C-alpha atoms as a PDB file:
ATOM      1  CA  MET A   1       0.000   0.000   0.000  1.00  0.00           C
ATOM      2  CA  SER A   2       1.371   3.363  -1.041  1.00  0.00           C
ATOM      3  CA  LEU A   3       1.339   6.518   1.032  1.00  0.00           C
ATOM      4  CA  PHE A   4       0.347   8.459  -2.091  1.00  0.00           C
ATOM      5  CA  THR A   5      -2.521   7.778  -4.444  1.00  0.00           C
ATOM      6  CA  ASP A   6      -1.778   6.061  -7.738  1.00  0.00           C
ATOM      7  CA  ASP A   7      -5.231   6.826  -9.131  1.00  0.00           C
ATOM      8  CA  LYS A   8      -5.362   7.155 -12.949  1.00  0.00           C
ATOM      9  CA  ALA A   9      -7.226  10.463 -12.744  1.00  0.00           C
ATOM     10  CA  VAL A  10      -4.564  11.974 -10.477  1.00  0.00           C
ATOM     11  CA  LYS A  11      -1.862  10.902 -12.916  1.00  0.00           C
ATOM     12  CA  ARG A  12      -3.441  13.273 -15.446  1.00  0.00           C
ATOM     13  CA  LEU A  13      -2.231  16.181 -13.290  1.00  0.00           C
ATOM     14  CA  THR A  14       1.248  17.462 -12.586  1.00  0.00           C
ATOM     15  CA  LEU A  15       2.521  19.508  -9.664  1.00  0.00           C
ATOM     16  CA  LYS A  16       4.553  21.521 -12.192  1.00  0.00           C
ATOM     17  CA  HIS A  17       1.323  23.043 -13.528  1.00  0.00           C
ATOM     18  CA  PRO A  18       0.393  25.997 -11.236  1.00  0.00           C
ATOM     19  CA  ILE A  19      -3.359  25.300 -11.371  1.00  0.00           C
ATOM     20  CA  HIS A  20      -2.843  21.609 -10.571  1.00  0.00           C
ATOM     21  CA  PHE A  21      -0.379  22.507  -7.793  1.00  0.00           C
ATOM     22  CA  LEU A  22      -2.997  24.717  -6.134  1.00  0.00           C
ATOM     23  CA  ALA A  23      -5.895  22.313  -6.765  1.00  0.00           C
ATOM     24  CA  LEU A  24      -3.895  19.526  -5.124  1.00  0.00           C
ATOM     25  CA  GLY A  25      -3.255  21.740  -2.092  1.00  0.00           C
ATOM     26  CA  PHE A  26       0.479  22.060  -2.783  1.00  0.00           C
ATOM     27  CA  GLY A  27       0.619  18.269  -3.119  1.00  0.00           C
ATOM     28  CA  SER A  28      -1.280  17.459   0.072  1.00  0.00           C
ATOM     29  CA  GLY A  29      -4.218  16.061  -1.882  1.00  0.00           C
ATOM     30  CA  LEU A  30      -2.009  13.270  -3.184  1.00  0.00           C
ATOM     31  CA  PHE A  31      -2.123  11.327   0.093  1.00  0.00           C
ATOM     32  CA  ALA A  32      -3.981   8.048  -0.449  1.00  0.00           C
ATOM     33  CA  LYS A  33      -5.846   8.280   2.871  1.00  0.00           C
ATOM     34  CA  ALA A  34      -7.721  11.360   4.092  1.00  0.00           C
ATOM     35  CA  PRO A  35      -6.650  13.832   1.379  1.00  0.00           C
ATOM     36  CA  GLY A  36      -9.225  16.347   2.665  1.00  0.00           C
ATOM     37  CA  THR A  37      -7.635  16.298   6.101  1.00  0.00           C
ATOM     38  CA  PHE A  38      -4.178  16.763   4.595  1.00  0.00           C
ATOM     39  CA  GLY A  39      -5.559  19.548   2.393  1.00  0.00           C
ATOM     40  CA  THR A  40      -6.925  21.282   5.470  1.00  0.00           C
ATOM     41  CA  LEU A  41      -3.534  20.870   7.163  1.00  0.00           C
ATOM     42  CA  ALA A  42      -1.944  22.500   4.103  1.00  0.00           C
ATOM     43  CA  GLY A  43      -4.251  25.446   4.706  1.00  0.00           C
ATOM     44  CA  ILE A  44      -2.747  26.131   8.132  1.00  0.00           C
ATOM     45  CA  PRO A  45       0.487  27.755   6.833  1.00  0.00           C
ATOM     46  CA  VAL A  46      -1.625  29.805   4.406  1.00  0.00           C
ATOM     47  CA  TYR A  47      -3.790  30.913   7.324  1.00  0.00           C
ATOM     48  CA  LEU A  48      -0.726  31.756   9.441  1.00  0.00           C
ATOM     49  CA  LEU A  49       0.597  33.971   6.635  1.00  0.00           C
ATOM     50  CA  LEU A  50      -2.722  35.733   6.088  1.00  0.00           C
ATOM     51  CA  ALA A  51      -3.406  36.096   9.824  1.00  0.00           C
ATOM     52  CA  GLN A  52      -0.601  38.663   9.940  1.00  0.00           C
ATOM     53  CA  LEU A  53      -2.672  40.971   7.737  1.00  0.00           C
ATOM     54  CA  SER A  54      -5.457  43.335   8.726  1.00  0.00           C
ATOM     55  CA  LEU A  55      -8.970  41.883   8.624  1.00  0.00           C
ATOM     56  CA  PRO A  56      -9.927  43.672   5.367  1.00  0.00           C
ATOM     57  CA  TRP A  57      -6.851  42.238   3.616  1.00  0.00           C
ATOM     58  CA  TYR A  58      -7.493  38.789   5.078  1.00  0.00           C
ATOM     59  CA  LEU A  59     -11.096  38.891   3.841  1.00  0.00           C
ATOM     60  CA  ALA A  60     -10.097  40.194   0.414  1.00  0.00           C
ATOM     61  CA  LEU A  61      -7.460  37.513  -0.137  1.00  0.00           C
ATOM     62  CA  THR A  62      -9.775  34.770   1.136  1.00  0.00           C
ATOM     63  CA  PHE A  63     -12.471  35.999  -1.242  1.00  0.00           C
ATOM     64  CA  ILE A  64     -10.007  36.095  -4.142  1.00  0.00           C
ATOM     65  CA  GLY A  65      -8.834  32.587  -3.225  1.00  0.00           C
ATOM     66  CA  ALA A  66     -12.438  31.388  -3.224  1.00  0.00           C
ATOM     67  CA  LEU A  67     -13.219  32.996  -6.587  1.00  0.00           C
ATOM     68  CA  ALA A  68      -9.989  31.650  -8.077  1.00  0.00           C
ATOM     69  CA  GLY A  69     -10.864  28.294  -6.531  1.00  0.00           C
ATOM     70  CA  ILE A  70     -13.929  28.012  -8.748  1.00  0.00           C
ATOM     71  CA  TYR A  71     -11.649  28.069 -11.787  1.00  0.00           C
ATOM     72  CA  ILE A  72      -8.846  26.067 -10.153  1.00  0.00           C
ATOM     73  CA  CYS A  73     -11.162  23.245  -9.085  1.00  0.00           C
ATOM     74  CA  HIS A  74     -13.075  23.271 -12.373  1.00  0.00           C
ATOM     75  CA  LYS A  75      -9.860  23.068 -14.418  1.00  0.00           C
ATOM     76  CA  ALA A  76      -8.347  20.285 -12.305  1.00  0.00           C
ATOM     77  CA  SER A  77     -11.612  18.355 -12.325  1.00  0.00           C
ATOM     78  CA  LYS A  78     -11.855  18.714 -16.104  1.00  0.00           C
ATOM     79  CA  ASP A  79      -8.222  17.668 -16.571  1.00  0.00           C
ATOM     80  CA  MET A  80      -8.776  14.651 -14.302  1.00  0.00           C
ATOM     81  CA  GLN A  81     -12.028  13.823 -16.108  1.00  0.00           C
ATOM     82  CA  VAL A  82     -13.646  13.274 -12.697  1.00  0.00           C
ATOM     83  CA  HIS A  83     -15.983  15.661 -10.846  1.00  0.00           C
ATOM     84  CA  ASP A  84     -14.791  16.632  -7.361  1.00  0.00           C
ATOM     85  CA  HIS A  85     -12.027  14.051  -7.039  1.00  0.00           C
ATOM     86  CA  GLY A  86     -10.803  13.660  -3.453  1.00  0.00           C
ATOM     87  CA  ALA A  87      -7.315  14.833  -4.434  1.00  0.00           C
ATOM     88  CA  ILE A  88      -8.706  18.296  -5.270  1.00  0.00           C
ATOM     89  CA  VAL A  89      -8.324  20.032  -1.920  1.00  0.00           C
ATOM     90  CA  TRP A  90      -8.085  23.756  -2.704  1.00  0.00           C
ATOM     91  CA  ASP A  91     -11.660  23.926  -1.407  1.00  0.00           C
ATOM     92  CA  GLU A  92     -10.445  22.626   1.975  1.00  0.00           C
ATOM     93  CA  VAL A  93      -7.730  25.310   2.087  1.00  0.00           C
ATOM     94  CA  ILE A  94     -10.339  28.018   1.489  1.00  0.00           C
ATOM     95  CA  GLY A  95     -12.801  26.379   3.898  1.00  0.00           C
ATOM     96  CA  LEU A  96     -10.207  26.615   6.663  1.00  0.00           C
ATOM     97  CA  LEU A  97      -9.505  30.266   5.795  1.00  0.00           C
ATOM     98  CA  VAL A  98     -13.243  31.003   6.082  1.00  0.00           C
ATOM     99  CA  THR A  99     -13.353  29.175   9.429  1.00  0.00           C
ATOM    100  CA  MET A 100     -10.476  31.258  10.789  1.00  0.00           C
ATOM    101  CA  ILE A 101     -11.868  34.710   9.892  1.00  0.00           C
ATOM    102  CA  ALA A 102     -11.212  36.985  12.903  1.00  0.00           C
ATOM    103  CA  ALA A 103     -10.246  33.983  15.041  1.00  0.00           C
ATOM    104  CA  PRO A 104      -8.413  34.603  18.295  1.00  0.00           C
ATOM    105  CA  THR A 105      -4.675  34.118  18.025  1.00  0.00           C
ATOM    106  CA  GLY A 106      -2.879  31.050  19.300  1.00  0.00           C
ATOM    107  CA  TRP A 107      -2.451  27.403  18.444  1.00  0.00           C
ATOM    108  CA  PRO A 108      -5.455  26.184  20.471  1.00  0.00           C
ATOM    109  CA  TRP A 109      -7.702  28.275  18.205  1.00  0.00           C
ATOM    110  CA  VAL A 110      -6.003  26.980  15.047  1.00  0.00           C
ATOM    111  CA  VAL A 111      -6.501  23.405  16.250  1.00  0.00           C
ATOM    112  CA  LEU A 112     -10.119  24.087  17.220  1.00  0.00           C
ATOM    113  CA  GLY A 113     -10.801  25.733  13.849  1.00  0.00           C
ATOM    114  CA  PHE A 114      -9.212  22.755  12.079  1.00  0.00           C
ATOM    115  CA  VAL A 115     -11.314  20.251  14.055  1.00  0.00           C
ATOM    116  CA  LEU A 116     -14.558  22.193  13.594  1.00  0.00           C
ATOM    117  CA  PHE A 117     -14.007  22.521   9.858  1.00  0.00           C
ATOM    118  CA  ARG A 118     -13.184  18.822   9.451  1.00  0.00           C
ATOM    119  CA  ILE A 119     -16.344  17.891  11.388  1.00  0.00           C
ATOM    120  CA  PHE A 120     -18.601  20.022   9.190  1.00  0.00           C
ATOM    121  CA  ASP A 121     -16.783  19.025   5.995  1.00  0.00           C
ATOM    122  CA  ILE A 122     -17.024  15.309   6.769  1.00  0.00           C
ATOM    123  CA  LEU A 123     -20.535  15.176   8.237  1.00  0.00           C
ATOM    124  CA  LYS A 124     -21.990  17.659   5.753  1.00  0.00           C
ATOM    125  CA  PRO A 125     -25.152  18.602   7.652  1.00  0.00           C
ATOM    126  CA  TRP A 126     -28.029  20.189   5.742  1.00  0.00           C
ATOM    127  CA  PRO A 127     -27.722  22.284   3.556  1.00  0.00           C
ATOM    128  CA  ILE A 128     -24.052  21.417   2.953  1.00  0.00           C
ATOM    129  CA  ARG A 129     -24.928  17.870   1.833  1.00  0.00           C
ATOM    130  CA  LEU A 130     -27.611  19.216  -0.509  1.00  0.00           C
ATOM    131  CA  LEU A 131     -25.164  21.629  -2.158  1.00  0.00           C
ATOM    132  CA  ASP A 132     -22.522  18.900  -2.414  1.00  0.00           C
ATOM    133  CA  ALA A 133     -24.991  16.635  -4.230  1.00  0.00           C
ATOM    134  CA  LYS A 134     -26.794  19.165  -6.435  1.00  0.00           C
ATOM    135  CA  VAL A 135     -24.274  21.840  -7.437  1.00  0.00           C
ATOM    136  CA  HIS A 136     -21.592  20.836  -9.921  1.00  0.00           C
ATOM    137  CA  GLY A 137     -18.538  22.294 -11.599  1.00  0.00           C
ATOM    138  CA  GLY A 138     -15.922  24.406  -9.886  1.00  0.00           C
ATOM    139  CA  PHE A 139     -18.581  26.332  -7.980  1.00  0.00           C
ATOM    140  CA  GLY A 140     -20.060  23.073  -6.707  1.00  0.00           C
ATOM    141  CA  ILE A 141     -16.663  21.841  -5.547  1.00  0.00           C
ATOM    142  CA  MET A 142     -16.067  25.081  -3.651  1.00  0.00           C
ATOM    143  CA  ILE A 143     -19.481  25.948  -2.206  1.00  0.00           C
ATOM    144  CA  ASP A 144     -19.950  23.031   0.201  1.00  0.00           C
ATOM    145  CA  ASP A 145     -16.546  23.676   1.789  1.00  0.00           C
ATOM    146  CA  ILE A 146     -17.167  27.412   1.974  1.00  0.00           C
ATOM    147  CA  LEU A 147     -20.457  26.717   3.758  1.00  0.00           C
ATOM    148  CA  ALA A 148     -18.741  24.195   6.068  1.00  0.00           C
ATOM    149  CA  GLY A 149     -16.275  27.010   6.770  1.00  0.00           C
ATOM    150  CA  VAL A 150     -19.132  29.410   7.572  1.00  0.00           C
ATOM    151  CA  PHE A 151     -20.696  26.903   9.992  1.00  0.00           C
ATOM    152  CA  SER A 152     -17.284  26.365  11.594  1.00  0.00           C
ATOM    153  CA  LEU A 153     -16.688  30.126  11.759  1.00  0.00           C
ATOM    154  CA  ILE A 154     -19.979  30.619  13.609  1.00  0.00           C
ATOM    155  CA  CYS A 155     -19.101  27.877  16.108  1.00  0.00           C
ATOM    156  CA  LEU A 156     -15.550  29.154  16.595  1.00  0.00           C
ATOM    157  CA  GLN A 157     -16.751  32.713  17.163  1.00  0.00           C
ATOM    158  CA  ALA A 158     -19.443  31.518  19.602  1.00  0.00           C
ATOM    159  CA  ILE A 159     -16.822  29.558  21.566  1.00  0.00           C
ATOM    160  CA  ALA A 160     -14.475  32.564  21.542  1.00  0.00           C
ATOM    161  CA  TYR A 161     -17.287  34.844  22.727  1.00  0.00           C
ATOM    162  CA  TRP A 162     -18.164  32.426  25.525  1.00  0.00           C
ATOM    163  CA  TRP A 163     -14.485  31.903  26.409  1.00  0.00           C
ATOM    164  CA  PHE A 164     -13.676  35.614  26.650  1.00  0.00           C
ATOM    165  CA  SER A 165     -16.962  36.762  28.260  1.00  0.00           C
END
């Protein structure tokens, strides 16, 4: 058993192609087991870089990443000839960035944001599951993770409010 996937669809992509590199979460989506979890982990350094910025810049770059993600995920999916392949994890990177909007600083909050996002992304409560099933293309790949990020953001902010009140 290999640590990395040897899926035929994934072999249609190359990390040398910038769109594929981003879609595969800098290579993290190539793990055979739990690529979404590894994609979310790959989002942590991105978050740590953006967290140094003011909130307006953080929001702007997250929004740009989400908009670009529609194209990135669509292109990778088209090149793989598979809709929403598990190796495409740019949506997890953006989902984590949404989760961490205005999060308190410190590793406990990063870990909590990671865990909350993974819970919502894996369980896909309504309406996330509905969007995942009914909306296709690059937008469909992105929207369920963005919404999982919004749910996680709400929970993280509620915990922070309770913690600091």
